[in-house]
Amino acid sequence: PSIFGGQSMLASSHWAWLGVVIVTAWQTIPSAMVIYLAGLVAIPGE
């Protein structure tokens, strides 16, 4: 549902960049998460 003045987020020159951030983050979070998981596994449980 549109909350940006009756138009899509992507049709707003002020908010379209936020849509690009959301989509890019959704796709690239897993690659960063893999590196963090490797770091967490290296921490001793003790």
All heavy atoms as atom14 arrays in JSON, in Angstrom:
{
  "sequence": "PSIFGGQSMLASSHWAWLGVVIVTAWQTIPSAMVIYLAGLVAIPGE",
  "atom14_mask": [
    [1, 1, 1, 1, 1, 1, 1, 0, 0, 0, 0, 0, 0, 0],
    [1, 1, 1, 1, 1, 1, 0, 0, 0, 0, 0, 0, 0, 0],
    [1, 1, 1, 1, 1, 1, 1, 1, 0, 0, 0, 0, 0, 0],
    [1, 1, 1, 1, 1, 1, 1, 1, 1, 1, 1, 0, 0, 0],
    [1, 1, 1, 1, 0, 0, 0, 0, 0, 0, 0, 0, 0, 0],
    [1, 1, 1, 1, 0, 0, 0, 0, 0, 0, 0, 0, 0, 0],
    [1, 1, 1, 1, 1, 1, 1, 1, 1, 0, 0, 0, 0, 0],
    [1, 1, 1, 1, 1, 1, 0, 0, 0, 0, 0, 0, 0, 0],
    [1, 1, 1, 1, 1, 1, 1, 1, 0, 0, 0, 0, 0, 0],
    [1, 1, 1, 1, 1, 1, 1, 1, 0, 0, 0, 0, 0, 0],
    [1, 1, 1, 1, 1, 0, 0, 0, 0, 0, 0, 0, 0, 0],
    [1, 1, 1, 1, 1, 1, 0, 0, 0, 0, 0, 0, 0, 0],
    [1, 1, 1, 1, 1, 1, 0, 0, 0, 0, 0, 0, 0, 0],
    [1, 1, 1, 1, 1, 1, 1, 1, 1, 1, 0, 0, 0, 0],
    [1, 1, 1, 1, 1, 1, 1, 1, 1, 1, 1, 1, 1, 1],
    [1, 1, 1, 1, 1, 0, 0, 0, 0, 0, 0, 0, 0, 0],
    [1, 1, 1, 1, 1, 1, 1, 1, 1, 1, 1, 1, 1, 1],
    [1, 1, 1, 1, 1, 1, 1, 1, 0, 0, 0, 0, 0, 0],
    [1, 1, 1, 1, 0, 0, 0, 0, 0, 0, 0, 0, 0, 0],
    [1, 1, 1, 1, 1, 1, 1, 0, 0, 0, 0, 0, 0, 0],
    [1, 1, 1, 1, 1, 1, 1, 0, 0, 0, 0, 0, 0, 0],
    [1, 1, 1, 1, 1, 1, 1, 1, 0, 0, 0, 0, 0, 0],
    [1, 1, 1, 1, 1, 1, 1, 0, 0, 0, 0, 0, 0, 0],
    [1, 1, 1, 1, 1, 1, 1, 0, 0, 0, 0, 0, 0, 0],
    [1, 1, 1, 1, 1, 0, 0, 0, 0, 0, 0, 0, 0, 0],
    [1, 1, 1, 1, 1, 1, 1, 1, 1, 1, 1, 1, 1, 1],
    [1, 1, 1, 1, 1, 1, 1, 1, 1, 0, 0, 0, 0, 0],
    [1, 1, 1, 1, 1, 1, 1, 0, 0, 0, 0, 0, 0, 0],
    [1, 1, 1, 1, 1, 1, 1, 1, 0, 0, 0, 0, 0, 0],
    [1, 1, 1, 1, 1, 1, 1, 0, 0, 0, 0, 0, 0, 0],
    [1, 1, 1, 1, 1, 1, 0, 0, 0, 0, 0, 0, 0, 0],
    [1, 1, 1, 1, 1, 0, 0, 0, 0, 0, 0, 0, 0, 0],
    [1, 1, 1, 1, 1, 1, 1, 1, 0, 0, 0, 0, 0, 0],
    [1, 1, 1, 1, 1, 1, 1, 0, 0, 0, 0, 0, 0, 0],
    [1, 1, 1, 1, 1, 1, 1, 1, 0, 0, 0, 0, 0, 0],
    [1, 1, 1, 1, 1, 1, 1, 1, 1, 1, 1, 1, 0, 0],
    [1, 1, 1, 1, 1, 1, 1, 1, 0, 0, 0, 0, 0, 0],
    [1, 1, 1, 1, 1, 0, 0, 0, 0, 0, 0, 0, 0, 0],
    [1, 1, 1, 1, 0, 0, 0, 0, 0, 0, 0, 0, 0, 0],
    [1, 1, 1, 1, 1, 1, 1, 1, 0, 0, 0, 0, 0, 0],
    [1, 1, 1, 1, 1, 1, 1, 0, 0, 0, 0, 0, 0, 0],
    [1, 1, 1, 1, 1, 0, 0, 0, 0, 0, 0, 0, 0, 0],
    [1, 1, 1, 1, 1, 1, 1, 1, 0, 0, 0, 0, 0, 0],
    [1, 1, 1, 1, 1, 1, 1, 0, 0, 0, 0, 0, 0, 0],
    [1, 1, 1, 1, 0, 0, 0, 0, 0, 0, 0, 0, 0, 0],
    [1, 1, 1, 1, 1, 1, 1, 1, 1, 0, 0, 0, 0, 0]
  ],
  "atom14_positions": [
    [[0.84, -1.21, 0.0], [0.0, 0.0, 0.0], [0.86, 1.25, 0.0], [1.86, 1.35, 0.71], [-0.79, -0.12, 1.31], [-0.78, -1.58, 1.63], [0.53, -2.1, 1.12], [0.0, 0.0, 0.0], [0.0, 0.0, 0.0], [0.0, 0.0, 0.0], [0.0, 0.0, 0.0], [0.0, 0.0, 0.0], [0.0, 0.0, 0.0], [0.0, 0.0, 0.0]],
    [[0.52, 2.2, -0.8], [1.31, 3.42, -0.94], [1.14, 4.32, 0.27], [0.03, 4.58, 0.72], [0.89, 4.17, -2.2], [1.59, 5.37, -2.29], [0.0, 0.0, 0.0], [0.0, 0.0, 0.0], [0.0, 0.0, 0.0], [0.0, 0.0, 0.0], [0.0, 0.0, 0.0], [0.0, 0.0, 0.0], [0.0, 0.0, 0.0], [0.0, 0.0, 0.0]],
    [[2.26, 4.76, 0.81], [2.24, 5.7, 1.95], [3.05, 6.94, 1.61], [3.38, 7.73, 2.48], [2.8, 5.04, 3.22], [4.24, 4.56, 2.98], [1.92, 3.91, 3.69], [4.92, 4.04, 4.24], [0.0, 0.0, 0.0], [0.0, 0.0, 0.0], [0.0, 0.0, 0.0], [0.0, 0.0, 0.0], [0.0, 0.0, 0.0], [0.0, 0.0, 0.0]],
    [[3.37, 7.11, 0.34], [4.19, 8.23, -0.08], [3.38, 9.17, -0.95], [3.61, 9.31, -2.14], [5.42, 7.72, -0.83], [6.32, 6.87, 0.03], [6.18, 5.5, 0.03], [7.26, 7.46, 0.84], [7.0, 4.72, 0.82], [8.08, 6.68, 1.63], [7.95, 5.31, 1.63], [0.0, 0.0, 0.0], [0.0, 0.0, 0.0], [0.0, 0.0, 0.0]],
    [[2.38, 9.81, -0.34], [1.59, 10.79, -1.06], [0.77, 10.21, -2.19], [0.6, 10.86, -3.22], [0.0, 0.0, 0.0], [0.0, 0.0, 0.0], [0.0, 0.0, 0.0], [0.0, 0.0, 0.0], [0.0, 0.0, 0.0], [0.0, 0.0, 0.0], [0.0, 0.0, 0.0], [0.0, 0.0, 0.0], [0.0, 0.0, 0.0], [0.0, 0.0, 0.0]],
    [[0.27, 9.0, -2.01], [-0.56, 8.39, -3.03], [0.18, 7.83, -4.22], [-0.42, 7.54, -5.25], [0.0, 0.0, 0.0], [0.0, 0.0, 0.0], [0.0, 0.0, 0.0], [0.0, 0.0, 0.0], [0.0, 0.0, 0.0], [0.0, 0.0, 0.0], [0.0, 0.0, 0.0], [0.0, 0.0, 0.0], [0.0, 0.0, 0.0], [0.0, 0.0, 0.0]],
    [[1.49, 7.64, -4.1], [2.26, 7.08, -5.2], [3.26, 6.05, -4.68], [3.52, 5.97, -3.49], [3.02, 8.18, -5.94], [4.03, 8.93, -5.09], [4.75, 10.02, -5.86], [4.56, 10.17, -7.05], [5.55, 10.8, -5.16], [0.0, 0.0, 0.0], [0.0, 0.0, 0.0], [0.0, 0.0, 0.0], [0.0, 0.0, 0.0], [0.0, 0.0, 0.0]],
    [[3.78, 5.25, -5.58], [4.76, 4.24, -5.22], [6.03, 4.9, -4.7], [6.39, 6.0, -5.11], [5.08, 3.37, -6.44], [6.22, 2.57, -6.19], [0.0, 0.0, 0.0], [0.0, 0.0, 0.0], [0.0, 0.0, 0.0], [0.0, 0.0, 0.0], [0.0, 0.0, 0.0], [0.0, 0.0, 0.0], [0.0, 0.0, 0.0], [0.0, 0.0, 0.0]],
    [[6.72, 4.19, -3.8], [8.0, 4.69, -3.3], [8.97, 4.96, -4.44], [9.7, 5.96, -4.43], [8.63, 3.66, -2.35], [10.0, 4.04, -1.84], [10.87, 2.65, -1.04], [9.76, 2.29, 0.3], [0.0, 0.0, 0.0], [0.0, 0.0, 0.0], [0.0, 0.0, 0.0], [0.0, 0.0, 0.0], [0.0, 0.0, 0.0], [0.0, 0.0, 0.0]],
    [[8.95, 4.11, -5.46], [9.87, 4.24, -6.57], [9.54, 5.41, -7.48], [10.36, 5.82, -8.31], [9.9, 2.95, -7.4], [10.26, 1.67, -6.63], [10.25, 0.48, -7.57], [11.62, 1.82, -5.96], [0.0, 0.0, 0.0], [0.0, 0.0, 0.0], [0.0, 0.0, 0.0], [0.0, 0.0, 0.0], [0.0, 0.0, 0.0], [0.0, 0.0, 0.0]],
    [[8.34, 5.97, -7.34], [7.95, 7.11, -8.15], [8.26, 8.43, -7.48], [8.04, 9.5, -8.05], [6.45, 7.05, -8.47], [0.0, 0.0, 0.0], [0.0, 0.0, 0.0], [0.0, 0.0, 0.0], [0.0, 0.0, 0.0], [0.0, 0.0, 0.0], [0.0, 0.0, 0.0], [0.0, 0.0, 0.0], [0.0, 0.0, 0.0], [0.0, 0.0, 0.0]],
    [[8.8, 8.36, -6.26], [9.14, 9.57, -5.51], [10.63, 9.86, -5.64], [11.47, 9.0, -5.33], [8.77, 9.4, -4.03], [9.29, 10.45, -3.25], [0.0, 0.0, 0.0], [0.0, 0.0, 0.0], [0.0, 0.0, 0.0], [0.0, 0.0, 0.0], [0.0, 0.0, 0.0], [0.0, 0.0, 0.0], [0.0, 0.0, 0.0], [0.0, 0.0, 0.0]],
    [[10.97, 11.04, -6.08], [12.39, 11.4, -6.22], [13.08, 11.5, -4.87], [14.32, 11.46, -4.8], [12.51, 12.74, -6.96], [11.82, 13.77, -6.26], [0.0, 0.0, 0.0], [0.0, 0.0, 0.0], [0.0, 0.0, 0.0], [0.0, 0.0, 0.0], [0.0, 0.0, 0.0], [0.0, 0.0, 0.0], [0.0, 0.0, 0.0], [0.0, 0.0, 0.0]],
    [[12.3, 11.63, -3.79], [12.88, 11.74, -2.45], [13.08, 10.38, -1.79], [13.91, 10.24, -0.89], [12.0, 12.61, -1.56], [11.86, 14.03, -2.03], [12.9, 14.91, -2.02], [10.8, 14.69, -2.56], [12.5, 16.08, -2.5], [11.23, 15.96, -2.84], [0.0, 0.0, 0.0], [0.0, 0.0, 0.0], [0.0, 0.0, 0.0], [0.0, 0.0, 0.0]],
    [[12.3, 9.36, -2.2], [12.32, 8.08, -1.51], [12.74, 6.9, -2.38], [12.9, 5.79, -1.87], [10.94, 7.79, -0.91], [10.54, 8.76, 0.14], [9.64, 9.78, 0.03], [11.04, 8.83, 1.47], [9.54, 10.48, 1.2], [10.39, 9.91, 2.11], [11.98, 8.08, 2.19], [10.65, 10.25, 3.43], [12.24, 8.42, 3.5], [11.58, 9.5, 4.11]],
    [[12.9, 7.11, -3.67], [13.24, 5.98, -4.56], [14.58, 5.35, -4.15], [14.76, 4.13, -4.26], [13.3, 6.46, -6.0], [0.0, 0.0, 0.0], [0.0, 0.0, 0.0], [0.0, 0.0, 0.0], [0.0, 0.0, 0.0], [0.0, 0.0, 0.0], [0.0, 0.0, 0.0], [0.0, 0.0, 0.0], [0.0, 0.0, 0.0], [0.0, 0.0, 0.0]],
    [[15.53, 6.17, -3.67], [16.83, 5.64, -3.26], [16.69, 4.63, -2.13], [17.46, 3.66, -2.03], [17.76, 6.77, -2.83], [17.36, 7.43, -1.54], [16.49, 8.46, -1.39], [17.79, 7.08, -0.22], [16.35, 8.79, -0.06], [17.14, 7.95, 0.67], [18.67, 6.12, 0.28], [17.34, 7.88, 2.05], [18.87, 6.05, 1.65], [18.21, 6.93, 2.52]],
    [[15.66, 4.84, -1.27], [15.44, 3.92, -0.16], [15.02, 2.55, -0.67], [15.41, 1.52, -0.1], [14.38, 4.49, 0.78], [14.09, 3.7, 2.06], [15.36, 3.56, 2.89], [12.99, 4.38, 2.87], [0.0, 0.0, 0.0], [0.0, 0.0, 0.0], [0.0, 0.0, 0.0], [0.0, 0.0, 0.0], [0.0, 0.0, 0.0], [0.0, 0.0, 0.0]],
    [[14.24, 2.53, -1.76], [13.86, 1.25, -2.36], [15.07, 0.49, -2.87], [15.17, -0.73, -2.73], [0.0, 0.0, 0.0], [0.0, 0.0, 0.0], [0.0, 0.0, 0.0], [0.0, 0.0, 0.0], [0.0, 0.0, 0.0], [0.0, 0.0, 0.0], [0.0, 0.0, 0.0], [0.0, 0.0, 0.0], [0.0, 0.0, 0.0], [0.0, 0.0, 0.0]],
    [[16.02, 1.21, -3.46], [17.25, 0.58, -3.94], [18.05, 0.0, -2.78], [18.61, -1.1, -2.86], [18.11, 1.6, -4.73], [19.37, 0.92, -5.26], [17.31, 2.2, -5.88], [0.0, 0.0, 0.0], [0.0, 0.0, 0.0], [0.0, 0.0, 0.0], [0.0, 0.0, 0.0], [0.0, 0.0, 0.0], [0.0, 0.0, 0.0], [0.0, 0.0, 0.0]],
    [[18.08, 0.73, -1.66], [18.78, 0.24, -0.46], [18.13, -1.04, 0.05], [18.82, -2.02, 0.37], [18.78, 1.32, 0.64], [19.29, 0.74, 1.96], [19.62, 2.51, 0.24], [0.0, 0.0, 0.0], [0.0, 0.0, 0.0], [0.0, 0.0, 0.0], [0.0, 0.0, 0.0], [0.0, 0.0, 0.0], [0.0, 0.0, 0.0], [0.0, 0.0, 0.0]],
    [[16.8, -1.06, 0.12], [16.08, -2.22, 0.64], [16.35, -3.46, -0.21], [16.65, -4.54, 0.31], [14.57, -1.93, 0.7], [14.28, -0.85, 1.76], [13.78, -3.2, 1.03], [12.85, -0.36, 1.76], [0.0, 0.0, 0.0], [0.0, 0.0, 0.0], [0.0, 0.0, 0.0], [0.0, 0.0, 0.0], [0.0, 0.0, 0.0], [0.0, 0.0, 0.0]],
    [[16.24, -3.32, -1.51], [16.43, -4.46, -2.41], [17.87, -4.96, -2.35], [18.12, -6.17, -2.28], [16.05, -4.08, -3.86], [16.36, -5.23, -4.81], [14.58, -3.72, -3.94], [0.0, 0.0, 0.0], [0.0, 0.0, 0.0], [0.0, 0.0, 0.0], [0.0, 0.0, 0.0], [0.0, 0.0, 0.0], [0.0, 0.0, 0.0], [0.0, 0.0, 0.0]],
    [[18.83, -4.04, -2.38], [20.24, -4.44, -2.33], [20.57, -5.12, -1.02], [21.29, -6.13, -0.98], [21.15, -3.21, -2.53], [20.8, -2.55, -3.74], [22.6, -3.62, -2.58], [0.0, 0.0, 0.0], [0.0, 0.0, 0.0], [0.0, 0.0, 0.0], [0.0, 0.0, 0.0], [0.0, 0.0, 0.0], [0.0, 0.0, 0.0], [0.0, 0.0, 0.0]],
    [[20.05, -4.58, 0.08], [20.29, -5.18, 1.39], [19.7, -6.58, 1.46], [20.34, -7.52, 1.96], [19.71, -4.29, 2.49], [0.0, 0.0, 0.0], [0.0, 0.0, 0.0], [0.0, 0.0, 0.0], [0.0, 0.0, 0.0], [0.0, 0.0, 0.0], [0.0, 0.0, 0.0], [0.0, 0.0, 0.0], [0.0, 0.0, 0.0], [0.0, 0.0, 0.0]],
    [[18.48, -6.74, 0.95], [17.83, -8.05, 0.98], [18.66, -9.1, 0.26], [18.76, -10.25, 0.69], [16.45, -7.96, 0.33], [15.67, -9.23, 0.36], [14.9, -9.71, 1.38], [15.59, -10.21, -0.69], [14.35, -10.92, 1.04], [14.74, -11.25, -0.23], [16.14, -10.3, -1.97], [14.45, -12.37, -1.0], [15.84, -11.42, -2.75], [15.01, -12.42, -2.27]],
    [[19.3, -8.71, -0.83], [20.07, -9.67, -1.61], [21.47, -9.9, -1.08], [22.03, -11.0, -1.23], [20.16, -9.21, -3.07], [20.79, -10.26, -3.97], [20.96, -9.78, -5.39], [21.04, -8.59, -5.65], [21.03, -10.71, -6.33], [0.0, 0.0, 0.0], [0.0, 0.0, 0.0], [0.0, 0.0, 0.0], [0.0, 0.0, 0.0], [0.0, 0.0, 0.0]],
    [[22.09, -8.92, -0.44], [23.49, -9.03, -0.06], [23.73, -9.33, 1.42], [24.86, -9.6, 1.81], [24.25, -7.74, -0.43], [23.61, -6.62, 0.2], [24.26, -7.54, -1.94], [0.0, 0.0, 0.0], [0.0, 0.0, 0.0], [0.0, 0.0, 0.0], [0.0, 0.0, 0.0], [0.0, 0.0, 0.0], [0.0, 0.0, 0.0], [0.0, 0.0, 0.0]],
    [[22.69, -9.28, 2.24], [22.85, -9.63, 3.65], [23.4, -11.05, 3.83], [24.28, -11.27, 4.67], [21.52, -9.45, 4.42], [21.28, -7.96, 4.7], [21.51, -10.24, 5.71], [19.93, -7.66, 5.32], [0.0, 0.0, 0.0], [0.0, 0.0, 0.0], [0.0, 0.0, 0.0], [0.0, 0.0, 0.0], [0.0, 0.0, 0.0], [0.0, 0.0, 0.0]],
    [[22.93, -12.05, 3.06], [23.46, -13.41, 3.25], [24.97, -13.53, 3.09], [25.62, -14.26, 3.84], [22.72, -14.22, 2.18], [21.46, -13.48, 1.95], [21.82, -12.04, 2.1], [0.0, 0.0, 0.0], [0.0, 0.0, 0.0], [0.0, 0.0, 0.0], [0.0, 0.0, 0.0], [0.0, 0.0, 0.0], [0.0, 0.0, 0.0], [0.0, 0.0, 0.0]],
    [[25.56, -12.83, 2.11], [27.01, -12.94, 1.89], [27.77, -12.39, 3.1], [28.8, -12.95, 3.5], [27.41, -12.21, 0.62], [27.04, -10.84, 0.68], [0.0, 0.0, 0.0], [0.0, 0.0, 0.0], [0.0, 0.0, 0.0], [0.0, 0.0, 0.0], [0.0, 0.0, 0.0], [0.0, 0.0, 0.0], [0.0, 0.0, 0.0], [0.0, 0.0, 0.0]],
    [[27.29, -11.3, 3.68], [27.93, -10.76, 4.88], [27.69, -11.68, 6.07], [28.57, -11.85, 6.93], [27.39, -9.35, 5.18], [0.0, 0.0, 0.0], [0.0, 0.0, 0.0], [0.0, 0.0, 0.0], [0.0, 0.0, 0.0], [0.0, 0.0, 0.0], [0.0, 0.0, 0.0], [0.0, 0.0, 0.0], [0.0, 0.0, 0.0], [0.0, 0.0, 0.0]],
    [[26.52, -12.3, 6.1], [26.18, -13.2, 7.21], [27.09, -14.42, 7.23], [27.44, -14.93, 8.3], [24.71, -13.62, 7.1], [24.18, -14.38, 8.29], [22.4, -14.59, 8.18], [22.26, -15.58, 6.68], [0.0, 0.0, 0.0], [0.0, 0.0, 0.0], [0.0, 0.0, 0.0], [0.0, 0.0, 0.0], [0.0, 0.0, 0.0], [0.0, 0.0, 0.0]],
    [[27.49, -14.91, 6.05], [28.39, -16.05, 5.98], [29.71, -15.74, 6.68], [30.25, -16.56, 7.43], [28.65, -16.44, 4.5], [29.76, -17.47, 4.41], [27.38, -16.99, 3.87], [0.0, 0.0, 0.0], [0.0, 0.0, 0.0], [0.0, 0.0, 0.0], [0.0, 0.0, 0.0], [0.0, 0.0, 0.0], [0.0, 0.0, 0.0], [0.0, 0.0, 0.0]],
    [[30.25, -14.55, 6.44], [31.52, -14.15, 7.06], [31.35, -14.04, 8.57], [32.22, -14.48, 9.34], [32.01, -12.83, 6.47], [32.34, -13.01, 4.98], [33.24, -12.31, 7.21], [32.76, -11.74, 4.27], [0.0, 0.0, 0.0], [0.0, 0.0, 0.0], [0.0, 0.0, 0.0], [0.0, 0.0, 0.0], [0.0, 0.0, 0.0], [0.0, 0.0, 0.0]],
    [[30.24, -13.47, 9.01], [30.01, -13.35, 10.45], [29.82, -14.71, 11.11], [30.27, -14.93, 12.25], [28.8, -12.46, 10.71], [29.07, -10.99, 10.46], [28.15, -10.19, 9.79], [30.23, -10.4, 10.9], [28.39, -8.84, 9.56], [30.49, -9.06, 10.68], [29.57, -8.29, 10.01], [29.83, -6.97, 9.79], [0.0, 0.0, 0.0], [0.0, 0.0, 0.0]],
    [[29.15, -15.62, 10.44], [28.98, -16.97, 10.99], [30.33, -17.66, 11.15], [30.56, -18.36, 12.14], [28.06, -17.8, 10.09], [26.56, -17.54, 10.22], [25.79, -18.27, 9.13], [26.05, -17.96, 11.59], [0.0, 0.0, 0.0], [0.0, 0.0, 0.0], [0.0, 0.0, 0.0], [0.0, 0.0, 0.0], [0.0, 0.0, 0.0], [0.0, 0.0, 0.0]],
    [[31.22, -17.45, 10.18], [32.56, -18.03, 10.29], [33.29, -17.46, 11.5], [34.02, -18.19, 12.21], [33.35, -17.75, 9.01], [0.0, 0.0, 0.0], [0.0, 0.0, 0.0], [0.0, 0.0, 0.0], [0.0, 0.0, 0.0], [0.0, 0.0, 0.0], [0.0, 0.0, 0.0], [0.0, 0.0, 0.0], [0.0, 0.0, 0.0], [0.0, 0.0, 0.0]],
    [[33.11, -16.17, 11.76], [33.74, -15.56, 12.92], [33.16, -16.05, 14.22], [33.89, -16.29, 15.2], [0.0, 0.0, 0.0], [0.0, 0.0, 0.0], [0.0, 0.0, 0.0], [0.0, 0.0, 0.0], [0.0, 0.0, 0.0], [0.0, 0.0, 0.0], [0.0, 0.0, 0.0], [0.0, 0.0, 0.0], [0.0, 0.0, 0.0], [0.0, 0.0, 0.0]],
    [[31.85, -16.24, 14.27], [31.21, -16.72, 15.49], [31.61, -18.15, 15.82], [31.8, -18.49, 16.99], [29.68, -16.63, 15.33], [29.09, -15.23, 15.31], [27.61, -15.27, 14.92], [29.25, -14.55, 16.66], [0.0, 0.0, 0.0], [0.0, 0.0, 0.0], [0.0, 0.0, 0.0], [0.0, 0.0, 0.0], [0.0, 0.0, 0.0], [0.0, 0.0, 0.0]],
    [[31.77, -18.98, 14.8], [32.18, -20.36, 15.02], [33.59, -20.42, 15.61], [33.92, -21.34, 16.38], [32.11, -21.16, 13.7], [32.73, -22.54, 13.85], [30.66, -21.29, 13.23], [0.0, 0.0, 0.0], [0.0, 0.0, 0.0], [0.0, 0.0, 0.0], [0.0, 0.0, 0.0], [0.0, 0.0, 0.0], [0.0, 0.0, 0.0], [0.0, 0.0, 0.0]],
    [[34.42, -19.43, 15.27], [35.82, -19.42, 15.74], [35.94, -19.01, 17.21], [37.01, -19.17, 17.81], [36.65, -18.49, 14.87], [0.0, 0.0, 0.0], [0.0, 0.0, 0.0], [0.0, 0.0, 0.0], [0.0, 0.0, 0.0], [0.0, 0.0, 0.0], [0.0, 0.0, 0.0], [0.0, 0.0, 0.0], [0.0, 0.0, 0.0], [0.0, 0.0, 0.0]],
    [[34.88, -18.46, 17.79], [34.93, -18.04, 19.2], [34.72, -19.27, 20.09], [33.71, -19.96, 19.95], [33.86, -16.98, 19.5], [34.07, -15.74, 18.62], [33.89, -16.59, 20.97], [33.0, -14.68, 18.8], [0.0, 0.0, 0.0], [0.0, 0.0, 0.0], [0.0, 0.0, 0.0], [0.0, 0.0, 0.0], [0.0, 0.0, 0.0], [0.0, 0.0, 0.0]],
    [[35.64, -19.57, 21.01], [35.49, -20.76, 21.88], [34.24, -20.67, 22.75], [33.92, -19.61, 23.31], [36.76, -20.71, 22.75], [37.72, -19.85, 22.0], [36.88, -18.84, 21.27], [0.0, 0.0, 0.0], [0.0, 0.0, 0.0], [0.0, 0.0, 0.0], [0.0, 0.0, 0.0], [0.0, 0.0, 0.0], [0.0, 0.0, 0.0], [0.0, 0.0, 0.0]],
    [[33.53, -21.77, 22.87], [32.32, -21.8, 23.69], [32.6, -21.62, 25.16], [31.73, -21.17, 25.92], [0.0, 0.0, 0.0], [0.0, 0.0, 0.0], [0.0, 0.0, 0.0], [0.0, 0.0, 0.0], [0.0, 0.0, 0.0], [0.0, 0.0, 0.0], [0.0, 0.0, 0.0], [0.0, 0.0, 0.0], [0.0, 0.0, 0.0], [0.0, 0.0, 0.0]],
    [[33.83, -21.98, 25.57], [34.18, -21.85, 26.99], [34.11, -20.4, 27.46], [33.84, -20.12, 28.64], [35.59, -22.4, 27.24], [35.73, -23.89, 27.02], [35.9, -24.25, 25.56], [35.94, -23.32, 24.72], [35.97, -25.45, 25.25], [0.0, 0.0, 0.0], [0.0, 0.0, 0.0], [0.0, 0.0, 0.0], [0.0, 0.0, 0.0], [0.0, 0.0, 0.0]]
  ]
}
